[in-house]
Amino acid sequence: MFFISDAMAQAEGAGEPSLLATFLPLLLIFAVMYFLLIRPQIKRQKEHKKLVEAIEKGDEIATSGGLLGRVVNVGDTLLVLEIADGTTVVVQRFAVSTVMPKGTIKDAREA
């Protein structure tokens, strides 16, 4: 009991921390999370949206599912890809992960 009474006496003498000191660590954590996680993700989303909006007929693209094809038809939300001679598939625009350099499909078929 000797140690408990000493600890209680110290706590009473310390006083209550200020409101700023209470919320400062929370605000710092939020600021770090914003600059390390949220802001870069928003930037990536904007870049991906710009990439998807710039897709044109004839572009060679890779989808997030791993398909590599040439864009045959462009719609508002859908794309028609030719993945082999005479074989087409319909994919959503936002499934596009990257636009490949011209000639990528030709090089991949020859390999």
N, C-alpha and C. Protein backbone atom coordinates (compact mmCIF):
# COMPACT_ATOMS: atom_id res chain seq x y z
N MET A 1 0.82 -1.20 0.00
CA MET A 1 0.00 0.00 0.00
C MET A 1 0.86 1.26 0.00
N PHE A 2 2.08 1.13 0.43
CA PHE A 2 2.98 2.27 0.50
C PHE A 2 3.18 2.90 -0.88
N PHE A 3 3.38 2.05 -1.90
CA PHE A 3 3.65 2.55 -3.25
C PHE A 3 2.41 3.16 -3.90
N ILE A 4 1.26 2.61 -3.64
CA ILE A 4 0.02 3.11 -4.23
C ILE A 4 -0.28 4.52 -3.73
N SER A 5 -0.11 4.76 -2.44
CA SER A 5 -0.39 6.09 -1.90
C SER A 5 0.59 7.13 -2.46
N ASP A 6 1.85 6.75 -2.67
CA ASP A 6 2.81 7.68 -3.28
C ASP A 6 2.42 8.02 -4.71
N ALA A 7 1.98 7.02 -5.46
CA ALA A 7 1.58 7.25 -6.85
C ALA A 7 0.36 8.14 -6.92
N MET A 8 -0.58 7.95 -6.03
CA MET A 8 -1.79 8.78 -6.02
C MET A 8 -1.44 10.22 -5.66
N ALA A 9 -0.51 10.40 -4.74
CA ALA A 9 -0.11 11.75 -4.34
C ALA A 9 0.58 12.47 -5.50
N GLN A 10 1.37 11.76 -6.28
CA GLN A 10 2.04 12.38 -7.43
C GLN A 10 1.03 12.75 -8.50
N ALA A 11 0.02 11.89 -8.71
CA ALA A 11 -0.99 12.15 -9.73
C ALA A 11 -1.81 13.38 -9.36
N GLU A 12 -2.11 13.58 -8.10
CA GLU A 12 -2.89 14.73 -7.68
C GLU A 12 -2.11 16.03 -7.85
N GLY A 13 -0.82 15.99 -7.63
CA GLY A 13 0.01 17.19 -7.74
C GLY A 13 0.30 17.57 -9.19
N ALA A 14 0.20 16.60 -10.11
CA ALA A 14 0.55 16.86 -11.51
C ALA A 14 -0.46 17.75 -12.19
N GLY A 15 -1.71 17.71 -11.80
CA GLY A 15 -2.73 18.51 -12.45
C GLY A 15 -3.23 17.84 -13.73
N GLU A 16 -4.21 18.42 -14.32
CA GLU A 16 -4.82 17.87 -15.53
C GLU A 16 -4.10 18.42 -16.75
N PRO A 17 -3.78 17.56 -17.76
CA PRO A 17 -3.09 18.06 -18.96
C PRO A 17 -4.02 18.97 -19.76
N SER A 18 -3.44 19.88 -20.49
CA SER A 18 -4.24 20.82 -21.28
C SER A 18 -4.93 20.10 -22.43
N LEU A 19 -5.92 20.75 -22.98
CA LEU A 19 -6.68 20.18 -24.09
C LEU A 19 -5.79 19.96 -25.31
N LEU A 20 -4.89 20.89 -25.56
CA LEU A 20 -3.96 20.77 -26.70
C LEU A 20 -3.04 19.57 -26.53
N ALA A 21 -2.52 19.39 -25.32
CA ALA A 21 -1.62 18.25 -25.07
C ALA A 21 -2.36 16.93 -25.19
N THR A 22 -3.66 16.93 -24.95
CA THR A 22 -4.45 15.72 -25.07
C THR A 22 -4.66 15.34 -26.53
N PHE A 23 -4.96 16.32 -27.37
CA PHE A 23 -5.31 16.02 -28.76
C PHE A 23 -4.14 16.13 -29.73
N LEU A 24 -3.02 16.66 -29.32
CA LEU A 24 -1.87 16.81 -30.20
C LEU A 24 -1.38 15.49 -30.78
N PRO A 25 -1.22 14.43 -30.00
CA PRO A 25 -0.78 13.16 -30.60
C PRO A 25 -1.78 12.62 -31.63
N LEU A 26 -3.05 12.79 -31.37
CA LEU A 26 -4.08 12.34 -32.32
C LEU A 26 -3.99 13.13 -33.63
N LEU A 27 -3.80 14.44 -33.52
CA LEU A 27 -3.67 15.26 -34.72
C LEU A 27 -2.41 14.92 -35.50
N LEU A 28 -1.32 14.66 -34.81
CA LEU A 28 -0.07 14.29 -35.49
C LEU A 28 -0.22 12.95 -36.22
N ILE A 29 -0.87 12.00 -35.61
CA ILE A 29 -1.09 10.70 -36.26
C ILE A 29 -1.94 10.87 -37.51
N PHE A 30 -2.99 11.68 -37.42
CA PHE A 30 -3.85 11.92 -38.59
C PHE A 30 -3.06 12.60 -39.71
N ALA A 31 -2.22 13.57 -39.38
CA ALA A 31 -1.43 14.27 -40.40
C ALA A 31 -0.46 13.31 -41.09
N VAL A 32 0.19 12.46 -40.32
CA VAL A 32 1.12 11.49 -40.90
C VAL A 32 0.37 10.52 -41.81
N MET A 33 -0.78 10.02 -41.37
CA MET A 33 -1.57 9.09 -42.18
C MET A 33 -2.01 9.76 -43.48
N TYR A 34 -2.41 11.03 -43.40
CA TYR A 34 -2.86 11.73 -44.59
C TYR A 34 -1.73 11.84 -45.62
N PHE A 35 -0.56 12.28 -45.19
CA PHE A 35 0.52 12.50 -46.14
C PHE A 35 1.19 11.21 -46.61
N LEU A 36 1.14 10.14 -45.83
CA LEU A 36 1.79 8.90 -46.23
C LEU A 36 0.85 7.92 -46.94
N LEU A 37 -0.44 7.98 -46.65
CA LEU A 37 -1.35 7.00 -47.23
C LEU A 37 -2.44 7.60 -48.11
N ILE A 38 -3.16 8.56 -47.59
CA ILE A 38 -4.34 9.05 -48.30
C ILE A 38 -3.98 9.88 -49.52
N ARG A 39 -3.08 10.83 -49.38
CA ARG A 39 -2.71 11.72 -50.48
C ARG A 39 -2.10 10.97 -51.67
N PRO A 40 -1.16 10.04 -51.47
CA PRO A 40 -0.63 9.29 -52.62
C PRO A 40 -1.70 8.44 -53.31
N GLN A 41 -2.63 7.89 -52.54
CA GLN A 41 -3.68 7.08 -53.15
C GLN A 41 -4.59 7.93 -54.03
N ILE A 42 -4.92 9.12 -53.58
CA ILE A 42 -5.74 10.03 -54.38
C ILE A 42 -5.02 10.40 -55.67
N LYS A 43 -3.71 10.63 -55.58
CA LYS A 43 -2.92 10.97 -56.76
C LYS A 43 -2.92 9.81 -57.76
N ARG A 44 -2.77 8.57 -57.25
CA ARG A 44 -2.80 7.40 -58.13
C ARG A 44 -4.16 7.24 -58.81
N GLN A 45 -5.23 7.50 -58.07
CA GLN A 45 -6.57 7.40 -58.64
C GLN A 45 -6.77 8.41 -59.77
N LYS A 46 -6.29 9.63 -59.59
CA LYS A 46 -6.40 10.64 -60.63
C LYS A 46 -5.62 10.24 -61.88
N GLU A 47 -4.40 9.71 -61.69
CA GLU A 47 -3.59 9.28 -62.83
C GLU A 47 -4.26 8.13 -63.57
N HIS A 48 -4.84 7.17 -62.85
CA HIS A 48 -5.50 6.03 -63.48
C HIS A 48 -6.74 6.49 -64.24
N LYS A 49 -7.49 7.43 -63.67
CA LYS A 49 -8.67 7.94 -64.35
C LYS A 49 -8.29 8.63 -65.66
N LYS A 50 -7.19 9.41 -65.63
CA LYS A 50 -6.71 10.08 -66.83
C LYS A 50 -6.27 9.05 -67.88
N LEU A 51 -5.59 7.98 -67.45
CA LEU A 51 -5.15 6.92 -68.35
C LEU A 51 -6.34 6.23 -69.01
N VAL A 52 -7.37 5.94 -68.22
CA VAL A 52 -8.55 5.25 -68.74
C VAL A 52 -9.32 6.13 -69.71
N GLU A 53 -9.41 7.41 -69.42
CA GLU A 53 -10.14 8.32 -70.32
C GLU A 53 -9.41 8.53 -71.63
N ALA A 54 -8.10 8.33 -71.68
CA ALA A 54 -7.31 8.58 -72.88
C ALA A 54 -7.22 7.35 -73.81
N ILE A 55 -7.85 6.25 -73.45
CA ILE A 55 -7.78 5.03 -74.28
C ILE A 55 -8.52 5.26 -75.59
N GLU A 56 -7.87 4.88 -76.68
CA GLU A 56 -8.44 5.03 -78.02
C GLU A 56 -8.41 3.70 -78.75
N LYS A 57 -9.15 3.63 -79.84
CA LYS A 57 -9.15 2.44 -80.68
C LYS A 57 -7.74 2.23 -81.22
N GLY A 58 -7.26 0.98 -81.15
CA GLY A 58 -5.93 0.64 -81.63
C GLY A 58 -4.88 0.56 -80.54
N ASP A 59 -5.19 1.10 -79.35
CA ASP A 59 -4.24 1.01 -78.23
C ASP A 59 -4.09 -0.43 -77.78
N GLU A 60 -2.90 -0.77 -77.34
CA GLU A 60 -2.64 -2.10 -76.77
C GLU A 60 -2.59 -1.94 -75.27
N ILE A 61 -3.43 -2.72 -74.57
CA ILE A 61 -3.57 -2.55 -73.13
C ILE A 61 -3.43 -3.88 -72.40
N ALA A 62 -3.13 -3.77 -71.12
CA ALA A 62 -3.14 -4.92 -70.22
C ALA A 62 -4.19 -4.64 -69.15
N THR A 63 -5.00 -5.64 -68.86
CA THR A 63 -6.04 -5.47 -67.84
C THR A 63 -5.53 -5.95 -66.49
N SER A 64 -6.28 -5.62 -65.46
CA SER A 64 -5.91 -6.06 -64.12
C SER A 64 -6.05 -7.57 -63.97
N GLY A 65 -6.81 -8.21 -64.85
CA GLY A 65 -6.95 -9.67 -64.84
C GLY A 65 -5.86 -10.38 -65.61
N GLY A 66 -4.99 -9.63 -66.29
CA GLY A 66 -3.87 -10.23 -66.99
C GLY A 66 -4.06 -10.39 -68.49
N LEU A 67 -5.17 -9.91 -69.03
CA LEU A 67 -5.38 -10.00 -70.48
C LEU A 67 -4.58 -8.92 -71.18
N LEU A 68 -4.01 -9.28 -72.31
CA LEU A 68 -3.27 -8.35 -73.15
C LEU A 68 -3.98 -8.32 -74.49
N GLY A 69 -4.42 -7.14 -74.91
CA GLY A 69 -5.16 -7.09 -76.17
C GLY A 69 -5.14 -5.71 -76.78
N ARG A 70 -5.67 -5.67 -78.02
CA ARG A 70 -5.77 -4.42 -78.78
C ARG A 70 -7.22 -3.95 -78.72
N VAL A 71 -7.41 -2.67 -78.46
CA VAL A 71 -8.75 -2.11 -78.36
C VAL A 71 -9.36 -2.03 -79.76
N VAL A 72 -10.53 -2.67 -79.91
CA VAL A 72 -11.23 -2.69 -81.19
C VAL A 72 -12.38 -1.68 -81.20
N ASN A 73 -13.04 -1.53 -80.04
CA ASN A 73 -14.17 -0.63 -79.94
C ASN A 73 -14.15 0.01 -78.55
N VAL A 74 -14.47 1.30 -78.51
CA VAL A 74 -14.46 2.03 -77.25
C VAL A 74 -15.87 2.52 -76.95
N GLY A 75 -16.37 2.17 -75.75
CA GLY A 75 -17.66 2.67 -75.29
C GLY A 75 -17.47 3.58 -74.10
N ASP A 76 -18.60 4.02 -73.52
CA ASP A 76 -18.51 4.90 -72.36
C ASP A 76 -17.90 4.19 -71.16
N THR A 77 -18.35 2.97 -70.89
CA THR A 77 -17.84 2.24 -69.73
C THR A 77 -17.19 0.91 -70.10
N LEU A 78 -17.33 0.49 -71.36
CA LEU A 78 -16.80 -0.81 -71.77
C LEU A 78 -15.85 -0.67 -72.96
N LEU A 79 -14.94 -1.63 -73.06
CA LEU A 79 -14.01 -1.72 -74.19
C LEU A 79 -14.13 -3.11 -74.80
N VAL A 80 -13.96 -3.20 -76.10
CA VAL A 80 -13.88 -4.49 -76.77
C VAL A 80 -12.43 -4.70 -77.14
N LEU A 81 -11.85 -5.80 -76.62
CA LEU A 81 -10.45 -6.11 -76.87
C LEU A 81 -10.34 -7.31 -77.80
N GLU A 82 -9.39 -7.25 -78.72
CA GLU A 82 -9.05 -8.41 -79.53
C GLU A 82 -7.83 -9.03 -78.87
N ILE A 83 -8.02 -10.23 -78.30
CA ILE A 83 -6.92 -10.87 -77.57
C ILE A 83 -6.20 -11.90 -78.43
N ALA A 84 -6.84 -12.30 -79.54
CA ALA A 84 -6.23 -13.20 -80.53
C ALA A 84 -6.96 -12.94 -81.84
N ASP A 85 -6.45 -13.48 -82.94
CA ASP A 85 -7.10 -13.27 -84.23
C ASP A 85 -8.53 -13.81 -84.18
N GLY A 86 -9.51 -12.91 -84.34
CA GLY A 86 -10.91 -13.30 -84.34
C GLY A 86 -11.51 -13.54 -82.96
N THR A 87 -10.77 -13.32 -81.91
CA THR A 87 -11.28 -13.52 -80.55
C THR A 87 -11.34 -12.18 -79.84
N THR A 88 -12.56 -11.79 -79.47
CA THR A 88 -12.73 -10.51 -78.77
C THR A 88 -13.40 -10.75 -77.41
N VAL A 89 -13.10 -9.89 -76.49
CA VAL A 89 -13.73 -9.91 -75.17
C VAL A 89 -14.13 -8.48 -74.82
N VAL A 90 -15.15 -8.39 -73.97
CA VAL A 90 -15.61 -7.08 -73.50
C VAL A 90 -15.15 -6.92 -72.05
N VAL A 91 -14.49 -5.80 -71.77
CA VAL A 91 -14.02 -5.53 -70.41
C VAL A 91 -14.44 -4.12 -70.00
N GLN A 92 -14.51 -3.89 -68.71
CA GLN A 92 -14.80 -2.56 -68.22
C GLN A 92 -13.58 -1.67 -68.37
N ARG A 93 -13.81 -0.39 -68.60
CA ARG A 93 -12.70 0.55 -68.76
C ARG A 93 -11.77 0.56 -67.54
N PHE A 94 -12.35 0.51 -66.34
CA PHE A 94 -11.53 0.61 -65.14
C PHE A 94 -10.78 -0.68 -64.82
N ALA A 95 -10.97 -1.73 -65.64
CA ALA A 95 -10.18 -2.94 -65.48
C ALA A 95 -8.82 -2.80 -66.16
N VAL A 96 -8.62 -1.73 -66.90
CA VAL A 96 -7.35 -1.49 -67.58
C VAL A 96 -6.31 -1.08 -66.54
N SER A 97 -5.19 -1.79 -66.54
CA SER A 97 -4.14 -1.43 -65.59
C SER A 97 -3.05 -0.59 -66.24
N THR A 98 -2.77 -0.83 -67.52
CA THR A 98 -1.73 -0.04 -68.18
C THR A 98 -1.93 -0.07 -69.69
N VAL A 99 -1.46 0.97 -70.35
CA VAL A 99 -1.43 1.02 -71.80
C VAL A 99 -0.02 0.62 -72.21
N MET A 100 0.06 -0.40 -73.04
CA MET A 100 1.35 -0.96 -73.45
C MET A 100 1.88 -0.20 -74.67
N PRO A 101 3.19 -0.23 -74.89
CA PRO A 101 3.75 0.38 -76.10
C PRO A 101 3.27 -0.37 -77.36
N LYS A 102 3.18 0.35 -78.44
CA LYS A 102 2.73 -0.26 -79.72
C LYS A 102 3.70 -1.38 -80.10
N GLY A 103 3.15 -2.49 -80.58
CA GLY A 103 3.95 -3.63 -80.99
C GLY A 103 4.16 -4.67 -79.91
N THR A 104 3.64 -4.44 -78.73
CA THR A 104 3.84 -5.38 -77.61
C THR A 104 3.16 -6.71 -77.90
N ILE A 105 1.97 -6.66 -78.46
CA ILE A 105 1.22 -7.90 -78.73
C ILE A 105 1.95 -8.71 -79.81
N LYS A 106 2.42 -8.05 -80.83
CA LYS A 106 3.16 -8.73 -81.89
C LYS A 106 4.40 -9.43 -81.34
N ASP A 107 5.13 -8.73 -80.48
CA ASP A 107 6.33 -9.30 -79.86
C ASP A 107 5.98 -10.46 -78.93
N ALA A 108 4.86 -10.37 -78.22
CA ALA A 108 4.46 -11.44 -77.30
C ALA A 108 4.04 -12.69 -78.05
N ARG A 109 3.41 -12.54 -79.21
CA ARG A 109 2.96 -13.69 -79.99
C ARG A 109 4.13 -14.41 -80.64
N GLU A 110 5.18 -13.66 -80.97
CA GLU A 110 6.32 -14.28 -81.61
C GLU A 110 7.20 -15.05 -80.62
N ALA A 111 7.12 -14.68 -79.35
CA ALA A 111 7.99 -15.31 -78.34
C ALA A 111 7.57 -16.70 -77.98
